[in-house]
Amino acid sequence: RFVLHSGLVNEILALKLWRRRNALRFPSFLMELATIHALAPNRPISESFLSLLRFLATGFRATRLIDPANSNNVVSDLLTPDEKSRIAIAAAMSLRAPSWPEII
C-alpha cells in the first residue's frame, strides 16, 4: 500500500529492470524505499529516473532507509558497504550512457 500510494510505481518498475540489466542483487523493498526517498511524484519518468540514478550514484551509500511500518528496521543495513558501492558505480556508469537502451 505504501508503494502504491507513492505515485512512483513506474519509477520503481524501471529501477527493477535496471537492477536486472546490471546484475545487481538488492531487495525489492529497499529499491522501493530508495525510490520513494529520492523522488517526488508527478514528474516525467525520464527526468525522475535520471534523478534516481544520481541519488544512487552519490547519496545512496550514506542514506538510512527505515521501514515505514517498523522504525526499528533499518532496511538500508541489509546491504554491505561493498554492495552499496557496486550499486553506486553501476548508477554512475548508467548516467554516462548515451541513450535509454543502454540504461534500461
N, C-alpha and C. Protein backbone atom coordinates (compact mmCIF):
# COMPACT_ATOMS: atom_id res chain seq x y z
N ARG A 1 0.82 -1.19 0.00
CA ARG A 1 0.00 0.00 0.00
C ARG A 1 0.87 1.26 0.00
N PHE A 2 1.90 1.28 0.82
CA PHE A 2 2.82 2.41 0.89
C PHE A 2 3.41 2.71 -0.48
N VAL A 3 3.80 1.66 -1.18
CA VAL A 3 4.41 1.82 -2.51
C VAL A 3 3.36 2.27 -3.52
N LEU A 4 2.21 1.65 -3.51
CA LEU A 4 1.16 2.01 -4.47
C LEU A 4 0.72 3.46 -4.33
N HIS A 5 0.71 3.97 -3.13
CA HIS A 5 0.28 5.35 -2.88
C HIS A 5 1.41 6.36 -3.06
N SER A 6 2.59 5.90 -3.38
CA SER A 6 3.73 6.81 -3.53
C SER A 6 3.67 7.63 -4.80
N GLY A 7 2.94 7.16 -5.81
CA GLY A 7 2.92 7.83 -7.10
C GLY A 7 4.17 7.57 -7.92
N LEU A 8 4.95 6.57 -7.50
CA LEU A 8 6.24 6.30 -8.16
C LEU A 8 6.36 4.85 -8.65
N VAL A 9 5.24 4.23 -8.93
CA VAL A 9 5.26 2.81 -9.31
C VAL A 9 6.06 2.60 -10.60
N ASN A 10 5.90 3.47 -11.59
CA ASN A 10 6.65 3.29 -12.84
C ASN A 10 8.15 3.43 -12.63
N GLU A 11 8.55 4.37 -11.78
CA GLU A 11 9.97 4.55 -11.49
C GLU A 11 10.53 3.33 -10.76
N ILE A 12 9.73 2.76 -9.86
CA ILE A 12 10.15 1.56 -9.14
C ILE A 12 10.30 0.39 -10.11
N LEU A 13 9.35 0.24 -11.02
CA LEU A 13 9.46 -0.83 -12.02
C LEU A 13 10.68 -0.63 -12.91
N ALA A 14 10.94 0.61 -13.31
CA ALA A 14 12.13 0.89 -14.12
C ALA A 14 13.40 0.55 -13.35
N LEU A 15 13.42 0.85 -12.05
CA LEU A 15 14.60 0.53 -11.24
C LEU A 15 14.80 -0.98 -11.15
N LYS A 16 13.72 -1.73 -11.09
CA LYS A 16 13.83 -3.20 -11.05
C LYS A 16 14.40 -3.72 -12.37
N LEU A 17 13.99 -3.14 -13.48
CA LEU A 17 14.59 -3.51 -14.77
C LEU A 17 16.07 -3.16 -14.80
N TRP A 18 16.40 -1.98 -14.30
CA TRP A 18 17.80 -1.54 -14.26
C TRP A 18 18.63 -2.47 -13.39
N ARG A 19 18.08 -2.87 -12.25
CA ARG A 19 18.78 -3.80 -11.36
C ARG A 19 19.10 -5.10 -12.10
N ARG A 20 18.13 -5.64 -12.81
CA ARG A 20 18.35 -6.89 -13.55
C ARG A 20 19.37 -6.70 -14.66
N ARG A 21 19.26 -5.61 -15.40
CA ARG A 21 20.20 -5.36 -16.51
C ARG A 21 21.64 -5.27 -16.00
N ASN A 22 21.81 -4.74 -14.80
CA ASN A 22 23.14 -4.56 -14.24
C ASN A 22 23.56 -5.70 -13.31
N ALA A 23 22.77 -6.76 -13.26
CA ALA A 23 23.07 -7.95 -12.46
C ALA A 23 23.39 -7.60 -11.01
N LEU A 24 22.58 -6.69 -10.45
CA LEU A 24 22.76 -6.27 -9.06
C LEU A 24 21.78 -7.04 -8.18
N ARG A 25 22.22 -7.31 -6.98
CA ARG A 25 21.36 -8.02 -6.04
C ARG A 25 21.09 -7.11 -4.85
N PHE A 26 19.86 -6.63 -4.78
CA PHE A 26 19.42 -5.96 -3.57
C PHE A 26 17.90 -6.07 -3.48
N PRO A 27 17.38 -6.13 -2.25
CA PRO A 27 15.96 -6.43 -2.05
C PRO A 27 15.03 -5.41 -2.71
N SER A 28 13.92 -5.92 -3.23
CA SER A 28 12.93 -5.06 -3.86
C SER A 28 12.43 -3.98 -2.91
N PHE A 29 12.20 -4.34 -1.65
CA PHE A 29 11.70 -3.35 -0.69
C PHE A 29 12.70 -2.21 -0.51
N LEU A 30 13.96 -2.52 -0.54
CA LEU A 30 14.99 -1.49 -0.44
C LEU A 30 14.95 -0.58 -1.66
N MET A 31 14.75 -1.16 -2.85
CA MET A 31 14.63 -0.35 -4.06
C MET A 31 13.43 0.58 -3.97
N GLU A 32 12.33 0.05 -3.48
CA GLU A 32 11.12 0.85 -3.36
C GLU A 32 11.33 2.02 -2.40
N LEU A 33 11.93 1.75 -1.24
CA LEU A 33 12.18 2.82 -0.27
C LEU A 33 13.17 3.85 -0.82
N ALA A 34 14.20 3.40 -1.52
CA ALA A 34 15.18 4.32 -2.10
C ALA A 34 14.50 5.24 -3.12
N THR A 35 13.64 4.68 -3.93
CA THR A 35 12.93 5.47 -4.94
C THR A 35 12.03 6.51 -4.28
N ILE A 36 11.27 6.09 -3.30
CA ILE A 36 10.36 7.00 -2.61
C ILE A 36 11.14 8.08 -1.86
N HIS A 37 12.28 7.72 -1.30
CA HIS A 37 13.12 8.69 -0.60
C HIS A 37 13.70 9.73 -1.56
N ALA A 38 14.12 9.28 -2.73
CA ALA A 38 14.86 10.14 -3.65
C ALA A 38 13.99 11.03 -4.53
N LEU A 39 12.74 10.63 -4.76
CA LEU A 39 11.95 11.31 -5.79
C LEU A 39 10.65 11.90 -5.25
N ALA A 40 10.18 12.90 -5.96
CA ALA A 40 8.84 13.44 -5.76
C ALA A 40 7.97 12.90 -6.89
N PRO A 41 6.71 12.58 -6.61
CA PRO A 41 5.85 12.06 -7.68
C PRO A 41 5.47 13.13 -8.69
N ASN A 42 4.87 12.66 -9.77
CA ASN A 42 4.28 13.52 -10.81
C ASN A 42 5.30 14.28 -11.65
N ARG A 43 6.44 13.70 -11.86
CA ARG A 43 7.41 14.25 -12.81
C ARG A 43 7.52 13.27 -13.97
N PRO A 44 7.93 13.72 -15.14
CA PRO A 44 8.12 12.78 -16.24
C PRO A 44 9.12 11.69 -15.83
N ILE A 45 8.83 10.46 -16.20
CA ILE A 45 9.66 9.35 -15.75
C ILE A 45 11.10 9.49 -16.23
N SER A 46 11.30 10.07 -17.41
CA SER A 46 12.68 10.24 -17.89
C SER A 46 13.48 11.14 -16.95
N GLU A 47 12.87 12.20 -16.47
CA GLU A 47 13.55 13.09 -15.51
C GLU A 47 13.73 12.42 -14.16
N SER A 48 12.66 11.81 -13.68
CA SER A 48 12.74 11.23 -12.33
C SER A 48 13.69 10.05 -12.28
N PHE A 49 13.75 9.24 -13.34
CA PHE A 49 14.66 8.09 -13.29
C PHE A 49 16.11 8.55 -13.31
N LEU A 50 16.42 9.59 -14.06
CA LEU A 50 17.79 10.13 -14.03
C LEU A 50 18.11 10.70 -12.65
N SER A 51 17.13 11.34 -12.02
CA SER A 51 17.34 11.83 -10.65
C SER A 51 17.59 10.67 -9.69
N LEU A 52 16.87 9.59 -9.89
CA LEU A 52 17.06 8.41 -9.06
C LEU A 52 18.46 7.83 -9.25
N LEU A 53 18.93 7.76 -10.48
CA LEU A 53 20.29 7.28 -10.73
C LEU A 53 21.33 8.19 -10.08
N ARG A 54 21.09 9.51 -10.14
CA ARG A 54 22.02 10.44 -9.47
C ARG A 54 22.05 10.19 -7.97
N PHE A 55 20.88 9.96 -7.38
CA PHE A 55 20.83 9.64 -5.95
C PHE A 55 21.59 8.34 -5.65
N LEU A 56 21.37 7.32 -6.46
CA LEU A 56 22.06 6.05 -6.23
C LEU A 56 23.57 6.21 -6.38
N ALA A 57 23.98 7.05 -7.31
CA ALA A 57 25.42 7.25 -7.56
C ALA A 57 26.09 8.06 -6.46
N THR A 58 25.35 9.00 -5.85
CA THR A 58 26.01 9.94 -4.94
C THR A 58 25.54 9.90 -3.49
N GLY A 59 24.26 9.64 -3.26
CA GLY A 59 23.75 9.76 -1.90
C GLY A 59 23.31 8.47 -1.24
N PHE A 60 23.14 7.44 -2.02
CA PHE A 60 22.57 6.19 -1.52
C PHE A 60 23.40 5.55 -0.42
N ARG A 61 24.71 5.54 -0.60
CA ARG A 61 25.58 4.83 0.36
C ARG A 61 25.43 5.36 1.78
N ALA A 62 25.18 6.65 1.94
CA ALA A 62 25.12 7.26 3.27
C ALA A 62 23.69 7.41 3.80
N THR A 63 22.70 7.03 3.02
CA THR A 63 21.31 7.23 3.41
C THR A 63 20.78 6.06 4.23
N ARG A 64 20.13 6.40 5.34
CA ARG A 64 19.45 5.37 6.17
C ARG A 64 18.00 5.30 5.72
N LEU A 65 17.60 4.13 5.27
CA LEU A 65 16.23 3.92 4.83
C LEU A 65 15.52 3.05 5.86
N ILE A 66 14.47 3.61 6.44
CA ILE A 66 13.74 2.98 7.54
C ILE A 66 12.42 2.41 7.02
N ASP A 67 12.09 1.22 7.45
CA ASP A 67 10.80 0.60 7.14
C ASP A 67 9.69 1.47 7.74
N PRO A 68 8.77 1.99 6.93
CA PRO A 68 7.72 2.86 7.47
C PRO A 68 6.78 2.14 8.44
N ALA A 69 6.72 0.82 8.39
CA ALA A 69 5.86 0.07 9.29
C ALA A 69 6.58 -0.37 10.57
N ASN A 70 7.91 -0.22 10.60
CA ASN A 70 8.70 -0.65 11.76
C ASN A 70 9.95 0.21 11.85
N SER A 71 9.91 1.23 12.66
CA SER A 71 11.02 2.19 12.74
C SER A 71 12.31 1.57 13.28
N ASN A 72 12.24 0.38 13.83
CA ASN A 72 13.45 -0.31 14.29
C ASN A 72 14.15 -1.07 13.17
N ASN A 73 13.51 -1.16 12.01
CA ASN A 73 14.06 -1.90 10.88
C ASN A 73 14.75 -0.93 9.92
N VAL A 74 16.06 -0.88 9.98
CA VAL A 74 16.84 -0.04 9.07
C VAL A 74 17.13 -0.89 7.84
N VAL A 75 16.29 -0.75 6.83
CA VAL A 75 16.34 -1.59 5.64
C VAL A 75 17.66 -1.41 4.89
N SER A 76 18.20 -0.21 4.91
CA SER A 76 19.47 0.03 4.20
C SER A 76 20.62 -0.76 4.80
N ASP A 77 20.49 -1.23 6.03
CA ASP A 77 21.54 -2.05 6.64
C ASP A 77 21.58 -3.47 6.08
N LEU A 78 20.63 -3.82 5.23
CA LEU A 78 20.64 -5.14 4.60
C LEU A 78 21.80 -5.30 3.62
N LEU A 79 22.34 -4.17 3.16
CA LEU A 79 23.45 -4.21 2.20
C LEU A 79 24.75 -3.86 2.89
N THR A 80 25.81 -4.51 2.45
CA THR A 80 27.15 -4.19 2.95
C THR A 80 27.64 -2.92 2.25
N PRO A 81 28.65 -2.27 2.78
CA PRO A 81 29.22 -1.11 2.09
C PRO A 81 29.69 -1.46 0.67
N ASP A 82 30.22 -2.65 0.48
CA ASP A 82 30.67 -3.07 -0.85
C ASP A 82 29.49 -3.19 -1.82
N GLU A 83 28.38 -3.74 -1.36
CA GLU A 83 27.19 -3.86 -2.20
C GLU A 83 26.65 -2.48 -2.56
N LYS A 84 26.64 -1.57 -1.61
CA LYS A 84 26.19 -0.20 -1.88
C LYS A 84 27.11 0.48 -2.89
N SER A 85 28.40 0.22 -2.79
CA SER A 85 29.36 0.79 -3.74
C SER A 85 29.12 0.26 -5.14
N ARG A 86 28.83 -1.03 -5.27
CA ARG A 86 28.55 -1.60 -6.60
C ARG A 86 27.32 -0.94 -7.23
N ILE A 87 26.32 -0.68 -6.42
CA ILE A 87 25.11 0.00 -6.92
C ILE A 87 25.47 1.42 -7.36
N ALA A 88 26.25 2.12 -6.56
CA ALA A 88 26.64 3.49 -6.89
C ALA A 88 27.46 3.54 -8.18
N ILE A 89 28.36 2.60 -8.35
CA ILE A 89 29.19 2.56 -9.56
C ILE A 89 28.32 2.27 -10.78
N ALA A 90 27.41 1.31 -10.67
CA ALA A 90 26.53 0.99 -11.79
C ALA A 90 25.65 2.19 -12.15
N ALA A 91 25.16 2.91 -11.15
CA ALA A 91 24.34 4.09 -11.41
C ALA A 91 25.15 5.18 -12.11
N ALA A 92 26.37 5.40 -11.65
CA ALA A 92 27.24 6.40 -12.29
C ALA A 92 27.53 6.03 -13.74
N MET A 93 27.76 4.76 -13.99
CA MET A 93 28.01 4.31 -15.37
C MET A 93 26.76 4.51 -16.23
N SER A 94 25.59 4.23 -15.68
CA SER A 94 24.35 4.41 -16.43
C SER A 94 24.11 5.88 -16.77
N LEU A 95 24.49 6.77 -15.88
CA LEU A 95 24.33 8.20 -16.15
C LEU A 95 25.20 8.66 -17.32
N ARG A 96 26.27 7.94 -17.59
CA ARG A 96 27.15 8.28 -18.71
C ARG A 96 26.73 7.60 -20.01
N ALA A 97 25.72 6.74 -19.96
CA ALA A 97 25.28 6.03 -21.16
C ALA A 97 24.68 7.03 -22.16
N PRO A 98 24.90 6.80 -23.45
CA PRO A 98 24.43 7.75 -24.45
C PRO A 98 22.93 7.74 -24.72
N SER A 99 22.24 6.64 -24.39
CA SER A 99 20.80 6.58 -24.67
C SER A 99 20.11 5.59 -23.73
N TRP A 100 18.79 5.66 -23.71
CA TRP A 100 18.00 4.82 -22.80
C TRP A 100 18.22 3.33 -22.99
N PRO A 101 18.35 2.82 -24.22
CA PRO A 101 18.55 1.37 -24.35
C PRO A 101 19.80 0.86 -23.62
N GLU A 102 20.78 1.71 -23.41
CA GLU A 102 21.97 1.31 -22.66
C GLU A 102 21.75 1.41 -21.16
N ILE A 103 20.71 2.10 -20.74
CA ILE A 103 20.44 2.28 -19.31
C ILE A 103 19.50 1.19 -18.79
N ILE A 104 18.39 1.01 -19.47
CA ILE A 104 17.38 0.03 -19.01
C ILE A 104 17.29 -1.09 -20.02
